[in-house]
C-alpha atoms as a PDB file:
ATOM      1  CA  MET A   1      -2.208 -18.077   7.699  1.00  0.00           C
ATOM      2  CA  VAL A   2      -3.640 -20.842   5.514  1.00  0.00           C
ATOM      3  CA  HIS A   3      -7.030 -20.124   3.962  1.00  0.00           C
ATOM      4  CA  PRO A   4      -9.521 -22.633   2.582  1.00  0.00           C
ATOM      5  CA  MET A   5      -9.183 -23.150  -1.171  1.00  0.00           C
ATOM      6  CA  SER A   6     -12.841 -22.304  -1.699  1.00  0.00           C
ATOM      7  CA  ASP A   7     -12.092 -18.660  -0.876  1.00  0.00           C
ATOM      8  CA  ILE A   8      -9.593 -18.215  -3.716  1.00  0.00           C
ATOM      9  CA  ARG A   9     -10.708 -16.225  -6.769  1.00  0.00           C
ATOM     10  CA  ILE A  10      -8.813 -16.047 -10.060  1.00  0.00           C
ATOM     11  CA  ARG A  11      -8.917 -12.773 -11.985  1.00  0.00           C
ATOM     12  CA  LYS A  12      -6.993 -10.866 -14.615  1.00  0.00           C
ATOM     13  CA  ALA A  13      -4.127  -8.870 -13.110  1.00  0.00           C
ATOM     14  CA  SER A  14      -3.931  -5.114 -13.394  1.00  0.00           C
ATOM     15  CA  VAL A  15      -1.109  -2.605 -13.043  1.00  0.00           C
ATOM     16  CA  SER A  16      -2.503  -1.669  -9.623  1.00  0.00           C
ATOM     17  CA  ASP A  17      -1.625  -5.223  -8.439  1.00  0.00           C
ATOM     18  CA  ILE A  18       2.111  -4.857  -9.098  1.00  0.00           C
ATOM     19  CA  PHE A  19       3.147  -3.830  -5.569  1.00  0.00           C
ATOM     20  CA  GLU A  20       1.293  -6.794  -4.036  1.00  0.00           C
ATOM     21  CA  MET A  21       2.558  -9.219  -6.712  1.00  0.00           C
ATOM     22  CA  LYS A  22       6.141  -8.144  -6.027  1.00  0.00           C
ATOM     23  CA  ARG A  23       5.629  -8.589  -2.266  1.00  0.00           C
ATOM     24  CA  MET A  24       4.123 -12.061  -2.661  1.00  0.00           C
ATOM     25  CA  THR A  25       6.816 -13.217  -5.106  1.00  0.00           C
ATOM     26  CA  LYS A  26       9.604 -11.912  -2.855  1.00  0.00           C
ATOM     27  CA  GLU A  27       8.185 -13.741   0.171  1.00  0.00           C
ATOM     28  CA  CYS A  28       7.784 -16.934  -1.842  1.00  0.00           C
ATOM     29  CA  ILE A  29      11.365 -16.854  -3.129  1.00  0.00           C
ATOM     30  CA  GLN A  30      12.802 -16.123   0.310  1.00  0.00           C
ATOM     31  CA  SER A  31      10.807 -18.824   2.074  1.00  0.00           C
ATOM     32  CA  SER A  32      10.934 -21.668  -0.426  1.00  0.00           C
ATOM     33  CA  CYS A  33      14.274 -21.385  -2.242  1.00  0.00           C
ATOM     34  CA  SER A  34      16.788 -21.312   0.595  1.00  0.00           C
ATOM     35  CA  LEU A  35      17.621 -25.013   0.291  1.00  0.00           C
ATOM     36  CA  ASP A  36      18.304 -24.851  -3.440  1.00  0.00           C
ATOM     37  CA  TYR A  37      19.967 -21.438  -3.902  1.00  0.00           C
ATOM     38  CA  SER A  38      22.640 -19.481  -2.061  1.00  0.00           C
ATOM     39  CA  GLN A  39      21.688 -16.330  -0.176  1.00  0.00           C
ATOM     40  CA  LYS A  40      23.583 -14.320  -2.800  1.00  0.00           C
ATOM     41  CA  GLN A  41      21.507 -15.897  -5.617  1.00  0.00           C
ATOM     42  CA  ILE A  42      18.283 -15.263  -3.705  1.00  0.00           C
ATOM     43  CA  ASN A  43      19.263 -11.616  -3.119  1.00  0.00           C
ATOM     44  CA  VAL A  44      19.942 -11.086  -6.849  1.00  0.00           C
ATOM     45  CA  TRP A  45      16.614 -12.726  -7.746  1.00  0.00           C
ATOM     46  CA  VAL A  46      14.669 -10.685  -5.177  1.00  0.00           C
ATOM     47  CA  ASN A  47      16.361  -7.412  -6.186  1.00  0.00           C
ATOM     48  CA  ALA A  48      15.375  -8.026  -9.826  1.00  0.00           C
ATOM     49  CA  LEU A  49      11.739  -7.901  -8.694  1.00  0.00           C
ATOM     50  CA  ASN A  50      12.082  -4.156  -8.070  1.00  0.00           C
ATOM     51  CA  ASN A  51      11.900  -3.427 -11.803  1.00  0.00           C
ATOM     52  CA  SER A  52       8.351  -2.024 -11.871  1.00  0.00           C
ATOM     53  CA  GLU A  53       8.538  -1.185 -15.582  1.00  0.00           C
ATOM     54  CA  LYS A  54       9.186  -4.847 -16.403  1.00  0.00           C
ATOM     55  CA  TRP A  55       6.135  -5.825 -14.317  1.00  0.00           C
ATOM     56  CA  ARG A  56       4.006  -3.177 -16.092  1.00  0.00           C
ATOM     57  CA  ARG A  57       5.095  -4.479 -19.491  1.00  0.00           C
ATOM     58  CA  LYS A  58       4.214  -8.044 -18.543  1.00  0.00           C
ATOM     59  CA  VAL A  59       0.825  -7.151 -17.068  1.00  0.00           C
ATOM     60  CA  ASN A  60      -0.035  -5.106 -20.161  1.00  0.00           C
ATOM     61  CA  SER A  61       1.287  -7.498 -22.823  1.00  0.00           C
ATOM     62  CA  GLN A  62       0.730 -10.994 -21.412  1.00  0.00           C
ATOM     63  CA  TYR A  63      -2.331 -12.911 -20.302  1.00  0.00           C
ATOM     64  CA  PHE A  64      -1.624 -12.289 -16.614  1.00  0.00           C
ATOM     65  CA  ILE A  65      -3.792 -13.654 -13.806  1.00  0.00           C
ATOM     66  CA  VAL A  66      -3.702 -13.513 -10.020  1.00  0.00           C
ATOM     67  CA  ALA A  67      -5.173 -15.743  -7.344  1.00  0.00           C
ATOM     68  CA  VAL A  68      -6.779 -13.676  -4.580  1.00  0.00           C
ATOM     69  CA  ASN A  69      -7.852 -14.777  -1.127  1.00  0.00           C
ATOM     70  CA  GLU A  70      -9.530 -12.256   1.187  1.00  0.00           C
ATOM     71  CA  ASP A  71      -8.151  -9.327  -0.864  1.00  0.00           C
ATOM     72  CA  GLU A  72      -4.593 -10.707  -0.701  1.00  0.00           C
ATOM     73  CA  ILE A  73      -2.757 -11.924  -3.789  1.00  0.00           C
ATOM     74  CA  VAL A  74      -1.650 -15.479  -3.040  1.00  0.00           C
ATOM     75  CA  GLY A  75      -0.558 -16.588  -6.518  1.00  0.00           C
ATOM     76  CA  LEU A  76       0.122 -15.380 -10.030  1.00  0.00           C
ATOM     77  CA  ALA A  77       0.826 -16.663 -13.515  1.00  0.00           C
ATOM     78  CA  SER A  78       1.183 -15.294 -17.002  1.00  0.00           C
ATOM     79  CA  LEU A  79       1.066 -16.661 -20.504  1.00  0.00           C
ATOM     80  CA  ASP A  80       3.264 -14.955 -23.083  1.00  0.00           C
ATOM     81  CA  ARG A  81       2.790 -15.255 -26.848  1.00  0.00           C
ATOM     82  CA  GLY A  82       0.024 -17.785 -26.244  1.00  0.00           C
ATOM     83  CA  ASN A  83       2.330 -20.651 -25.391  1.00  0.00           C
ATOM     84  CA  TYR A  84       5.003 -19.653 -22.862  1.00  0.00           C
ATOM     85  CA  LEU A  85       4.137 -19.877 -19.164  1.00  0.00           C
ATOM     86  CA  ASP A  86       6.198 -17.059 -17.642  1.00  0.00           C
END
């Protein structure tokens, strides 16, 4: 379902967001990358998302934000070392 942009809030991510961030990223990869990557490549990429410790490290060490619409994470971004958009 598409929501109006005015409902989207940006906030700092927390460790408690990891499950939802992984879900959203997995869905995004599976729905938008099928024309550019093989199913095998997509599966490897999606399976790498299961590394919760890597997500925890990023959330705790990077400037990590999420976009939230009606309590659902609909986007994310992080800045590492002040100049690398991860």
